[in-house]
Amino acid sequence: MKHLCNDPSIQTKRRALRKTQTAAERKVWSILRNRQMNGIKFYRQYSVENYILDFYAPSKRLAIELDGGHHMP
């Protein structure tokens, strides 16, 4: 069965990304967590198809992706 969201086969990768957040991700997560942003539920490192999004609010179909130094070659 093909998983469109939160594919179990990449669960280990999502967990590793949550444990090694960038400083920017930590700051944004401190604002988004616990429904602090207008009562909207956000998830960290949420996968959609082959992509892992930094933050995702399913009720709004809103994805937030932060770029940082780890993206530099």
N, C-alpha and C. Protein backbone atom coordinates (compact mmCIF):
# COMPACT_ATOMS: atom_id res chain seq x y z
N MET A 1 0.84 -1.19 0.00
CA MET A 1 0.00 0.00 0.00
C MET A 1 0.88 1.25 0.00
N LYS A 2 0.60 2.17 -0.86
CA LYS A 2 1.35 3.42 -0.97
C LYS A 2 0.82 4.42 0.05
N HIS A 3 1.72 4.96 0.88
CA HIS A 3 1.34 5.97 1.88
C HIS A 3 1.63 7.35 1.32
N LEU A 4 0.62 8.21 1.30
CA LEU A 4 0.84 9.58 0.85
C LEU A 4 1.36 10.47 1.97
N CYS A 5 0.94 10.17 3.20
CA CYS A 5 1.36 10.98 4.35
C CYS A 5 1.97 10.09 5.42
N ASN A 6 3.07 10.55 5.97
CA ASN A 6 3.79 9.87 7.06
C ASN A 6 4.03 8.38 6.78
N ASP A 7 4.68 8.13 5.67
CA ASP A 7 5.05 6.78 5.24
C ASP A 7 5.89 6.11 6.33
N PRO A 8 5.46 4.96 6.84
CA PRO A 8 6.22 4.28 7.90
C PRO A 8 7.65 3.91 7.50
N SER A 9 7.91 3.77 6.22
CA SER A 9 9.26 3.37 5.79
C SER A 9 10.30 4.48 6.00
N ILE A 10 9.86 5.71 6.20
CA ILE A 10 10.81 6.81 6.47
C ILE A 10 10.62 7.40 7.86
N GLN A 11 9.97 6.64 8.74
CA GLN A 11 9.74 7.10 10.11
C GLN A 11 11.06 7.36 10.84
N THR A 12 12.04 6.49 10.65
CA THR A 12 13.35 6.65 11.30
C THR A 12 14.01 7.95 10.87
N LYS A 13 13.92 8.28 9.59
CA LYS A 13 14.50 9.53 9.06
C LYS A 13 13.79 10.74 9.67
N ARG A 14 12.46 10.69 9.78
CA ARG A 14 11.70 11.80 10.37
C ARG A 14 12.11 12.01 11.83
N ARG A 15 12.26 10.92 12.57
CA ARG A 15 12.67 11.02 13.97
C ARG A 15 14.06 11.63 14.10
N ALA A 16 14.97 11.20 13.24
CA ALA A 16 16.33 11.74 13.27
C ALA A 16 16.33 13.24 12.99
N LEU A 17 15.51 13.68 12.04
CA LEU A 17 15.43 15.11 11.73
C LEU A 17 14.85 15.90 12.90
N ARG A 18 13.90 15.33 13.62
CA ARG A 18 13.33 16.03 14.78
C ARG A 18 14.38 16.18 15.88
N LYS A 19 15.25 15.20 16.01
CA LYS A 19 16.29 15.25 17.06
C LYS A 19 17.43 16.19 16.71
N THR A 20 17.61 16.50 15.43
CA THR A 20 18.73 17.34 15.00
C THR A 20 18.22 18.61 14.31
N GLN A 21 17.31 19.30 14.97
CA GLN A 21 16.74 20.52 14.41
C GLN A 21 17.79 21.63 14.31
N THR A 22 17.59 22.49 13.34
CA THR A 22 18.43 23.69 13.24
C THR A 22 17.94 24.71 14.26
N ALA A 23 18.72 25.74 14.49
CA ALA A 23 18.31 26.80 15.42
C ALA A 23 17.03 27.47 14.93
N ALA A 24 16.92 27.69 13.63
CA ALA A 24 15.72 28.32 13.07
C ALA A 24 14.50 27.43 13.30
N GLU A 25 14.64 26.12 13.10
CA GLU A 25 13.53 25.20 13.31
C GLU A 25 13.10 25.20 14.78
N ARG A 26 14.06 25.24 15.70
CA ARG A 26 13.72 25.28 17.12
C ARG A 26 12.92 26.53 17.46
N LYS A 27 13.33 27.67 16.91
CA LYS A 27 12.62 28.92 17.19
C LYS A 27 11.20 28.90 16.64
N VAL A 28 11.05 28.45 15.41
CA VAL A 28 9.71 28.39 14.80
C VAL A 28 8.84 27.39 15.54
N TRP A 29 9.38 26.23 15.90
CA TRP A 29 8.61 25.22 16.60
C TRP A 29 8.13 25.73 17.97
N SER A 30 8.93 26.56 18.63
CA SER A 30 8.51 27.09 19.93
C SER A 30 7.27 27.98 19.79
N ILE A 31 7.05 28.51 18.60
CA ILE A 31 5.87 29.35 18.33
C ILE A 31 4.68 28.50 17.87
N LEU A 32 4.95 27.47 17.07
CA LEU A 32 3.88 26.68 16.47
C LEU A 32 3.34 25.56 17.37
N ARG A 33 4.15 25.08 18.29
CA ARG A 33 3.74 23.90 19.07
C ARG A 33 2.58 24.21 20.00
N ASN A 34 1.89 23.15 20.39
CA ASN A 34 0.77 23.24 21.34
C ASN A 34 -0.34 24.19 20.90
N ARG A 35 -0.58 24.25 19.61
CA ARG A 35 -1.69 25.06 19.05
C ARG A 35 -1.61 26.54 19.45
N GLN A 36 -0.40 27.06 19.63
CA GLN A 36 -0.22 28.45 20.03
C GLN A 36 -0.53 29.44 18.91
N MET A 37 -0.52 28.98 17.67
CA MET A 37 -0.75 29.86 16.53
C MET A 37 -2.21 29.72 16.11
N ASN A 38 -3.07 30.57 16.63
CA ASN A 38 -4.50 30.60 16.29
C ASN A 38 -5.19 29.25 16.47
N GLY A 39 -4.70 28.42 17.38
CA GLY A 39 -5.32 27.13 17.66
C GLY A 39 -5.08 26.07 16.59
N ILE A 40 -4.17 26.32 15.67
CA ILE A 40 -3.90 25.39 14.57
C ILE A 40 -2.88 24.33 15.01
N LYS A 41 -3.18 23.07 14.74
CA LYS A 41 -2.28 21.96 15.07
C LYS A 41 -1.24 21.81 13.98
N PHE A 42 0.04 21.92 14.37
CA PHE A 42 1.16 21.71 13.46
C PHE A 42 1.91 20.45 13.86
N TYR A 43 2.50 19.80 12.87
CA TYR A 43 3.35 18.64 13.08
C TYR A 43 4.74 18.98 12.57
N ARG A 44 5.76 18.40 13.24
CA ARG A 44 7.15 18.58 12.78
C ARG A 44 7.54 17.39 11.92
N GLN A 45 8.37 17.66 10.92
CA GLN A 45 8.94 16.61 10.08
C GLN A 45 7.85 15.64 9.61
N TYR A 46 6.89 16.16 8.94
CA TYR A 46 5.73 15.43 8.43
C TYR A 46 6.01 15.06 6.98
N SER A 47 5.81 13.80 6.62
CA SER A 47 6.11 13.41 5.25
C SER A 47 4.86 13.40 4.39
N VAL A 48 5.02 13.89 3.17
CA VAL A 48 3.99 13.86 2.14
C VAL A 48 4.67 13.32 0.89
N GLU A 49 4.20 12.15 0.45
CA GLU A 49 4.84 11.41 -0.64
C GLU A 49 6.31 11.20 -0.29
N ASN A 50 7.24 11.64 -1.14
CA ASN A 50 8.67 11.42 -0.89
C ASN A 50 9.34 12.58 -0.17
N TYR A 51 8.59 13.57 0.25
CA TYR A 51 9.14 14.78 0.87
C TYR A 51 8.88 14.79 2.37
N ILE A 52 9.84 15.33 3.11
CA ILE A 52 9.66 15.52 4.54
C ILE A 52 9.60 17.02 4.78
N LEU A 53 8.44 17.47 5.21
CA LEU A 53 8.21 18.90 5.46
C LEU A 53 8.67 19.25 6.86
N ASP A 54 9.22 20.44 7.04
CA ASP A 54 9.63 20.85 8.38
C ASP A 54 8.42 20.97 9.31
N PHE A 55 7.38 21.64 8.85
CA PHE A 55 6.16 21.82 9.65
C PHE A 55 4.96 21.70 8.73
N TYR A 56 3.88 21.11 9.26
CA TYR A 56 2.69 20.93 8.43
C TYR A 56 1.44 21.03 9.30
N ALA A 57 0.44 21.78 8.81
CA ALA A 57 -0.86 21.90 9.45
C ALA A 57 -1.90 21.29 8.52
N PRO A 58 -2.30 20.04 8.75
CA PRO A 58 -3.23 19.36 7.84
C PRO A 58 -4.57 20.08 7.71
N SER A 59 -5.07 20.67 8.78
CA SER A 59 -6.38 21.32 8.71
C SER A 59 -6.39 22.50 7.74
N LYS A 60 -5.25 23.12 7.54
CA LYS A 60 -5.13 24.26 6.63
C LYS A 60 -4.40 23.90 5.34
N ARG A 61 -3.90 22.66 5.28
CA ARG A 61 -3.08 22.22 4.15
C ARG A 61 -1.92 23.20 3.93
N LEU A 62 -1.28 23.56 5.05
CA LEU A 62 -0.21 24.55 5.05
C LEU A 62 1.10 23.88 5.43
N ALA A 63 2.10 24.01 4.57
CA ALA A 63 3.43 23.48 4.83
C ALA A 63 4.38 24.65 5.02
N ILE A 64 5.30 24.50 5.98
CA ILE A 64 6.34 25.49 6.21
C ILE A 64 7.68 24.78 6.09
N GLU A 65 8.51 25.27 5.22
CA GLU A 65 9.82 24.67 4.97
C GLU A 65 10.87 25.75 5.21
N LEU A 66 11.83 25.46 6.09
CA LEU A 66 12.89 26.41 6.42
C LEU A 66 14.19 25.94 5.80
N ASP A 67 14.89 26.85 5.14
CA ASP A 67 16.20 26.53 4.61
C ASP A 67 17.25 27.02 5.60
N GLY A 68 18.34 26.31 5.64
CA GLY A 68 19.40 26.69 6.54
C GLY A 68 20.74 26.22 6.04
N GLY A 69 21.75 26.34 6.88
CA GLY A 69 23.11 26.00 6.50
C GLY A 69 23.28 24.54 6.12
N HIS A 70 22.44 23.66 6.63
CA HIS A 70 22.58 22.25 6.30
C HIS A 70 22.23 21.96 4.84
N HIS A 71 21.63 22.92 4.14
CA HIS A 71 21.32 22.75 2.73
C HIS A 71 22.47 23.18 1.81
N MET A 72 23.48 23.79 2.39
CA MET A 72 24.61 24.28 1.61
C MET A 72 25.55 23.13 1.29
N PRO A 73 26.15 23.12 0.07
CA PRO A 73 27.09 22.04 -0.29
C PRO A 73 28.39 22.12 0.48
